[in-house]
């Protein structure tokens, strides 16, 4: 019996509709991430079980300035492998700016909005990367003041918003799922977080504990220094940057950077991690360092070893720029201030001296005058 024309027409329409639905489903389904933060092995690992290298005061960039902590641009930091950007935010006449203790006279790293535009540009170009921001909210700016800035640059839609907080280290989603969802920016505020008002700005110290900062002893310990939660279940961050004193105030110990950032040896990042593993039974989640490029990638090698992956960058990381180690006051009043140049990436110490202008020196002195009002917060 031959099928009726009506039956054939109905069948054809059904096949056509089914094909259209399958086509639409195929075009709307997003492929699952197969490489996460550079490694396929990390896609199924939770955010709370991966170790990331962070840039301490990532915005404080430059040379010949005692207030800087990094020598490379934010874009270069990210391209080289930094996956936590730490910053110190201040309220300057209603504008959130990134400054080192004082915006006037010491170091002004520009507005948070301009900084986040760079972050957004990098994230758009690197869709398989999970990145963290850590904002030291030094002036206790409410979370609602940060929200319009994130929205203005489009980072709010890329930000992970936890269903609740705190989250134990074992409770975070996998890197793969964060990338698949598009929610791959994790932002912590050290105070004033309010998940009800701004769901993607996460309180740091109920989720992360930290070791001591402004360390002068190269034998870094792994004691719990700051927390508002249970260190046994929280993620944790080690402040692995060695300081020396200038007029009684801590500044980066440039001459020791190759040793401090090394993968092994006394005072090294690798040795610090070993201490932490011995003390807490697990490695740190975040490792904040100064001038990460000293050591030629050794800080990233440490992270790769922890994560059980191979560190094999496609291009060499940036080389250290000429940076001064310790300020001295041999220039005299109204003259210049000289400092011996830091060790190069090969470990040698050049003998030439670099001069600081009087203006640079007096800017530092002006900042130090705040000691008479209150101590500087050199986080």
Protein backbone atom coordinates (compact mmCIF):
# COMPACT_ATOMS: atom_id res chain seq x y z
CA UNK A 1 0.00 0.00 0.00
CA UNK A 2 1.47 3.30 -1.05
CA UNK A 3 1.77 5.97 1.67
CA UNK A 4 -0.49 8.93 1.25
CA UNK A 5 0.83 12.28 0.20
CA UNK A 6 -0.28 13.67 3.59
CA UNK A 7 1.75 11.05 5.46
CA UNK A 8 4.85 11.71 3.35
CA UNK A 9 4.46 15.43 3.87
CA UNK A 10 4.15 14.99 7.64
CA UNK A 11 7.24 12.75 7.74
CA UNK A 12 9.30 15.24 5.73
CA UNK A 13 8.26 18.08 8.00
CA UNK A 14 9.24 16.05 11.08
CA UNK A 15 12.67 15.21 9.65
CA UNK A 16 13.21 18.84 8.70
CA UNK A 17 12.26 20.10 12.17
CA UNK A 18 14.46 17.50 13.85
CA UNK A 19 17.41 18.45 11.65
CA UNK A 20 16.89 22.11 12.42
CA UNK A 21 16.78 21.40 16.16
CA UNK A 22 19.97 19.33 15.96
CA UNK A 23 21.68 22.07 13.97
CA UNK A 24 20.67 24.70 16.51
CA UNK A 25 21.81 22.52 19.42
CA UNK A 26 25.14 21.90 17.70
CA UNK A 27 25.73 25.61 17.13
CA UNK A 28 24.75 26.61 20.68
CA UNK A 29 26.69 23.93 22.55
CA UNK A 30 30.11 25.18 23.64
CA UNK A 31 32.98 22.69 23.21
CA UNK A 32 34.37 21.42 26.49
CA UNK A 33 37.76 22.89 27.44
CA UNK A 34 40.58 20.46 26.73
CA UNK A 35 43.47 22.70 27.78
CA UNK A 36 43.19 24.76 30.97
CA UNK A 37 45.83 27.25 32.05
CA UNK A 38 48.17 25.70 29.52
CA UNK A 39 47.74 22.06 30.52
CA UNK A 40 45.17 19.38 29.73
CA UNK A 41 45.90 17.78 33.10
CA UNK A 42 44.50 20.81 34.95
CA UNK A 43 41.03 20.81 33.38
CA UNK A 44 39.67 18.25 35.84
CA UNK A 45 41.46 19.79 38.82
CA UNK A 46 39.52 22.04 41.17
CA UNK A 47 40.54 25.66 41.52
CA UNK A 48 41.30 24.94 45.17
CA UNK A 49 43.81 22.19 44.34
CA UNK A 50 45.97 24.12 41.85
CA UNK A 51 48.93 26.37 42.70
CA UNK A 52 49.28 29.74 40.95
CA UNK A 53 52.12 32.28 40.84
CA UNK A 54 51.01 35.78 41.82
CA UNK A 55 52.54 39.20 41.29
CA UNK A 56 52.83 41.16 44.52
CA UNK A 57 51.71 44.76 43.90
CA UNK A 58 51.33 43.96 40.22
CA UNK A 59 50.58 47.59 39.32
CA UNK A 60 53.73 48.95 41.04
CA UNK A 61 55.93 48.76 37.96
CA UNK A 62 59.23 50.46 37.23
CA UNK A 63 62.90 50.75 38.03
CA UNK A 64 64.96 53.07 40.22
CA UNK A 65 62.10 53.50 42.66
CA UNK A 66 62.00 51.95 46.11
CA UNK A 67 58.19 51.70 45.91
CA UNK A 68 58.00 49.33 42.92
CA UNK A 69 57.64 45.57 43.11
CA UNK A 70 57.51 44.53 39.46
CA UNK A 71 59.61 45.30 36.43
CA UNK A 72 57.22 44.17 33.70
CA UNK A 73 53.89 45.51 32.44
CA UNK A 74 50.67 43.82 33.57
CA UNK A 75 50.19 42.41 30.07
CA UNK A 76 53.71 40.96 30.14
CA UNK A 77 53.13 39.51 33.60
CA UNK A 78 50.09 37.66 32.33
CA UNK A 79 51.77 36.53 29.12
CA UNK A 80 54.67 35.11 31.12
CA UNK A 81 52.44 33.06 33.42
CA UNK A 82 51.31 35.18 36.38
CA UNK A 83 47.83 33.98 37.35
CA UNK A 84 47.10 36.09 40.41
CA UNK A 85 47.37 39.85 40.24
CA UNK A 86 47.55 41.47 43.66
CA UNK A 87 46.98 45.19 44.04
CA UNK A 88 46.43 47.88 46.68
CA UNK A 89 43.42 50.13 46.05
CA UNK A 90 42.85 53.63 47.43
CA UNK A 91 39.95 56.05 47.29
CA UNK A 92 41.34 59.24 45.76
CA UNK A 93 38.60 61.87 45.63
CA UNK A 94 36.03 59.29 44.68
CA UNK A 95 38.23 57.48 42.15
CA UNK A 96 39.68 54.06 42.99
CA UNK A 97 43.37 54.21 42.18
CA UNK A 98 46.17 51.68 42.63
CA UNK A 99 48.81 53.19 44.88
CA UNK A 100 51.55 52.03 47.17
CA UNK A 101 50.53 53.42 50.56
CA UNK A 102 50.39 56.97 49.22
CA UNK A 103 49.13 58.06 45.82
CA UNK A 104 50.79 61.47 46.04
CA UNK A 105 54.57 61.48 46.20
CA UNK A 106 55.27 57.75 46.37
CA UNK A 107 53.68 55.67 43.62
CA UNK A 108 50.45 56.09 41.67
CA UNK A 109 49.75 53.10 39.45
CA UNK A 110 46.72 54.67 37.77
CA UNK A 111 43.02 54.01 38.06
CA UNK A 112 41.56 50.60 38.71
CA UNK A 113 39.40 51.04 35.61
CA UNK A 114 42.40 51.48 33.32
CA UNK A 115 44.11 48.52 34.96
CA UNK A 116 41.08 46.26 34.51
CA UNK A 117 40.83 47.20 30.84
CA UNK A 118 44.21 45.52 30.38
CA UNK A 119 43.01 42.45 32.27
CA UNK A 120 39.89 42.26 30.09
CA UNK A 121 41.95 42.58 26.91
CA UNK A 122 44.19 39.72 28.00
CA UNK A 123 41.31 37.48 29.06
CA UNK A 124 39.54 38.01 25.74
CA UNK A 125 42.71 36.91 23.94
CA UNK A 126 43.20 33.89 26.24
CA UNK A 127 39.84 32.12 26.60
CA UNK A 128 41.24 28.97 28.23
CA UNK A 129 42.76 30.67 31.26
CA UNK A 130 41.48 31.10 34.82
CA UNK A 131 42.80 34.23 36.53
CA UNK A 132 42.56 35.62 40.07
CA UNK A 133 42.64 39.17 41.36
CA UNK A 134 43.43 40.05 44.97
CA UNK A 135 42.49 43.59 45.95
CA UNK A 136 43.89 45.02 49.18
CA UNK A 137 41.03 47.40 49.94
CA UNK A 138 43.14 49.73 52.04
CA UNK A 139 40.51 52.50 52.38
CA UNK A 140 37.62 50.13 53.11
CA UNK A 141 35.80 51.11 49.93
CA UNK A 142 32.40 49.34 49.80
CA UNK A 143 32.02 46.49 47.32
CA UNK A 144 29.28 48.44 45.57
CA UNK A 145 31.86 51.06 44.51
CA UNK A 146 33.88 48.39 42.69
CA UNK A 147 30.88 46.94 40.88
CA UNK A 148 30.39 49.78 38.34
CA UNK A 149 34.06 49.62 37.40
CA UNK A 150 33.96 45.88 36.70
CA UNK A 151 30.78 46.40 34.70
CA UNK A 152 32.21 49.30 32.71
CA UNK A 153 35.04 47.13 31.37
CA UNK A 154 32.93 43.98 30.98
CA UNK A 155 34.60 41.85 33.64
CA UNK A 156 31.44 41.32 35.68
CA UNK A 157 30.13 38.84 33.12
CA UNK A 158 33.40 36.88 33.28
CA UNK A 159 33.52 36.77 37.08
CA UNK A 160 32.86 33.66 39.15
CA UNK A 161 30.15 34.24 41.76
CA UNK A 162 30.06 31.49 44.39
CA UNK A 163 26.65 30.28 45.57
CA UNK A 164 27.86 30.82 49.14
CA UNK A 165 30.99 31.78 51.03
CA UNK A 166 33.29 30.63 52.50
CA UNK A 167 34.20 27.80 50.16
CA UNK A 168 36.59 25.14 51.47
CA UNK A 169 39.61 24.44 49.31
CA UNK A 170 38.03 21.14 48.30
CA UNK A 171 34.73 22.77 47.30
CA UNK A 172 35.77 24.89 44.33
CA UNK A 173 34.74 24.01 40.76
CA UNK A 174 37.24 22.60 38.28
CA UNK A 175 39.21 24.87 35.98
CA UNK A 176 37.53 23.17 33.03
CA UNK A 177 34.02 23.92 34.29
CA UNK A 178 34.93 27.54 35.00
CA UNK A 179 36.28 27.96 31.49
CA UNK A 180 33.27 26.21 29.97
CA UNK A 181 30.90 28.50 31.85
CA UNK A 182 32.86 31.63 30.96
CA UNK A 183 33.12 32.49 34.68
CA UNK A 184 36.89 32.30 34.92
CA UNK A 185 37.88 35.45 36.81
CA UNK A 186 38.04 35.03 40.60
CA UNK A 187 38.30 38.28 42.56
CA UNK A 188 39.03 38.51 46.28
CA UNK A 189 38.66 41.59 48.50
CA UNK A 190 40.61 41.60 51.73
CA UNK A 191 37.73 43.47 53.40
CA UNK A 192 34.27 44.92 52.71
CA UNK A 193 33.15 42.05 50.47
CA UNK A 194 29.35 41.69 50.32
CA UNK A 195 28.07 38.76 48.27
CA UNK A 196 24.50 39.98 48.60
CA UNK A 197 25.33 43.30 46.96
CA UNK A 198 28.11 42.16 44.59
CA UNK A 199 28.11 38.35 44.27
CA UNK A 200 31.46 38.08 42.46
CA UNK A 201 33.64 40.01 44.95
CA UNK A 202 34.69 37.31 47.39
CA UNK A 203 35.97 37.84 50.93
CA UNK A 204 39.63 36.86 51.09
CA UNK A 205 40.29 35.94 54.68
CA UNK A 206 37.33 33.62 55.16
CA UNK A 207 38.47 31.72 52.06
CA UNK A 208 42.28 32.19 52.14
CA UNK A 209 44.82 32.47 54.91
CA UNK A 210 48.19 34.17 54.44
CA UNK A 211 51.71 33.89 55.75
CA UNK A 212 53.63 36.89 57.09
CA UNK A 213 54.53 39.74 54.72
CA UNK A 214 57.40 42.28 54.74
CA UNK A 215 59.73 39.42 55.69
CA UNK A 216 63.35 40.35 56.40
CA UNK A 217 64.58 36.84 57.27
CA UNK A 218 65.33 34.69 54.19
CA UNK A 219 64.35 31.62 56.18
CA UNK A 220 60.67 32.04 55.28
CA UNK A 221 58.27 30.22 57.59
CA UNK A 222 54.77 28.94 56.83
CA UNK A 223 52.95 30.04 59.94
CA UNK A 224 49.36 31.26 59.68
CA UNK A 225 49.58 35.06 59.91
CA UNK A 226 46.14 36.36 58.86
CA UNK A 227 42.81 34.56 58.60
CA UNK A 228 39.15 34.82 59.53
CA UNK A 229 38.41 31.16 58.95
CA UNK A 230 39.68 27.64 59.52
CA UNK A 231 43.21 27.24 58.11
CA UNK A 232 42.74 23.48 57.97
CA UNK A 233 40.11 23.80 55.23
CA UNK A 234 40.92 27.14 53.58
CA UNK A 235 43.09 27.75 50.55
CA UNK A 236 46.28 29.57 51.47
CA UNK A 237 48.72 32.13 50.11
CA UNK A 238 52.41 32.55 50.85
CA UNK A 239 54.03 35.96 50.68
CA UNK A 240 57.38 35.02 49.24
CA UNK A 241 59.15 38.34 48.76
CA UNK A 242 62.22 39.27 50.76
CA UNK A 243 62.65 42.83 52.00
CA UNK A 244 65.46 44.94 53.33
CA UNK A 245 65.16 48.21 55.24
CA UNK A 246 65.46 51.74 53.90
CA UNK A 247 65.18 54.40 56.61
CA UNK A 248 63.46 51.77 58.72
CA UNK A 249 60.90 50.88 56.02
CA UNK A 250 60.84 47.59 54.08
CA UNK A 251 61.66 47.67 50.37
CA UNK A 252 62.38 44.77 47.96
CA UNK A 253 65.78 43.15 48.46
CA UNK A 254 66.70 43.32 44.79
CA UNK A 255 70.21 41.89 45.16
CA UNK A 256 68.76 38.64 46.56
CA UNK A 257 66.05 38.14 43.94
CA UNK A 258 67.74 35.34 42.02
CA UNK A 259 68.05 33.38 45.26
CA UNK A 260 64.60 34.30 46.57
CA UNK A 261 62.82 33.33 43.34
CA UNK A 262 64.84 30.14 42.81
CA UNK A 263 63.32 26.69 42.61
CA UNK A 264 65.71 25.32 45.23
CA UNK A 265 68.32 26.40 47.74
CA UNK A 266 68.29 28.35 51.01
CA UNK A 267 65.68 31.11 51.05
CA UNK A 268 64.20 29.99 47.72
CA UNK A 269 60.55 29.72 46.72
CA UNK A 270 61.01 25.99 46.36
CA UNK A 271 62.35 25.70 49.90
CA UNK A 272 59.46 27.82 51.22
CA UNK A 273 56.96 25.50 49.54
CA UNK A 274 58.71 22.48 51.05
CA UNK A 275 58.35 24.04 54.50
CA UNK A 276 54.64 24.63 53.89
CA UNK A 277 54.04 21.08 52.70
CA UNK A 278 55.82 19.75 55.79
CA UNK A 279 53.78 22.03 58.08
CA UNK A 280 50.35 21.71 56.48
CA UNK A 281 50.41 18.57 54.36
CA UNK A 282 49.61 20.43 51.14
CA UNK A 283 51.23 23.11 48.98
CA UNK A 284 50.10 26.74 48.84
CA UNK A 285 47.42 27.75 46.35
CA UNK A 286 48.97 31.16 45.67
CA UNK A 287 52.60 32.29 45.79
CA UNK A 288 53.13 36.06 45.68
CA UNK A 289 56.55 37.17 44.45
CA UNK A 290 58.38 40.38 43.56
CA UNK A 291 60.05 40.86 40.15
CA UNK A 292 58.98 37.36 39.07
CA UNK A 293 61.29 37.40 36.02
CA UNK A 294 64.42 37.08 38.17
CA UNK A 295 65.41 33.43 38.07
CA UNK A 296 64.47 33.04 34.41
CA UNK A 297 61.15 31.32 35.08
CA UNK A 298 62.06 29.49 38.28
CA UNK A 299 58.88 30.67 40.05
CA UNK A 300 56.78 29.06 37.31
CA UNK A 301 58.86 25.91 37.51
CA UNK A 302 57.95 25.66 41.20
CA UNK A 303 54.24 25.96 40.38
CA UNK A 304 54.51 23.38 37.60
CA UNK A 305 56.22 20.91 39.93
CA UNK A 306 53.48 21.35 42.52
CA UNK A 307 50.79 20.89 39.88
CA UNK A 308 52.46 17.84 38.38
CA UNK A 309 52.84 19.33 34.91
CA UNK A 310 55.80 20.20 32.70
CA UNK A 311 57.01 23.78 32.56
CA UNK A 312 57.86 24.31 28.91
CA UNK A 313 56.95 27.86 27.81
CA UNK A 314 56.56 28.45 24.09
CA UNK A 315 58.56 31.68 24.37
CA UNK A 316 61.13 32.77 26.98
CA UNK A 317 59.81 35.02 29.73
CA UNK A 318 60.90 38.65 29.98
CA UNK A 319 64.41 39.37 31.17
CA UNK A 320 65.04 41.58 34.22
CA UNK A 321 65.49 45.26 33.53
CA UNK A 322 68.36 47.08 35.28
CA UNK A 323 66.99 47.57 38.79
CA UNK A 324 68.67 49.07 41.82
CA UNK A 325 69.19 47.08 44.95
CA UNK A 326 69.56 49.37 47.98
CA UNK A 327 69.36 53.14 48.22
CA UNK A 328 72.22 54.95 49.92
CA UNK A 329 72.50 58.62 50.79
CA UNK A 330 75.97 59.35 49.49
CA UNK A 331 74.73 61.98 47.05
CA UNK A 332 74.40 64.77 49.61
CA UNK A 333 71.69 67.39 49.99
CA UNK A 334 70.20 68.48 46.69
CA UNK A 335 72.30 66.00 44.76
CA UNK A 336 71.59 62.46 43.72
CA UNK A 337 71.20 59.19 45.53
CA UNK A 338 73.12 56.19 44.24
CA UNK A 339 72.53 52.50 44.51
CA UNK A 340 74.48 49.42 43.41
CA UNK A 341 72.78 47.72 40.49
CA UNK A 342 71.08 44.40 41.19
CA UNK A 343 72.36 41.06 40.08
CA UNK A 344 71.52 40.21 36.49
CA UNK A 345 69.59 37.11 35.50
CA UNK A 346 72.86 35.22 35.29
CA UNK A 347 73.64 36.00 38.91
CA UNK A 348 76.53 38.39 38.37
CA UNK A 349 76.59 41.78 40.10
CA UNK A 350 77.65 44.65 37.83
CA UNK A 351 79.94 47.19 39.42
CA UNK A 352 78.44 50.32 37.87
CA UNK A 353 76.17 52.63 39.87
CA UNK A 354 72.84 54.10 38.90
CA UNK A 355 71.86 57.61 39.99
CA UNK A 356 68.53 58.69 41.40
CA UNK A 357 67.39 62.23 40.78
CA UNK A 358 66.85 64.55 43.71
CA UNK A 359 63.13 64.60 42.89
CA UNK A 360 62.90 60.82 43.18
CA UNK A 361 64.77 60.88 46.46
CA UNK A 362 62.61 63.61 47.95
CA UNK A 363 59.47 61.82 46.86
CA UNK A 364 60.61 58.83 48.89
CA UNK A 365 61.48 61.03 51.84
CA UNK A 366 58.07 62.69 51.64
CA UNK A 367 56.45 59.30 51.89
CA UNK A 368 58.62 58.37 54.82
CA UNK A 369 57.47 61.47 56.68
CA UNK A 370 54.17 59.68 57.10
CA UNK A 371 55.93 57.68 59.79
CA UNK A 372 55.33 60.64 62.08
CA UNK A 373 51.61 60.36 61.36
CA UNK A 374 51.35 56.61 61.15
CA UNK A 375 53.30 53.71 59.70
CA UNK A 376 53.21 53.08 55.97
CA UNK A 377 51.29 50.05 54.86
CA UNK A 378 53.75 48.40 52.51
CA UNK A 379 51.77 45.25 51.73
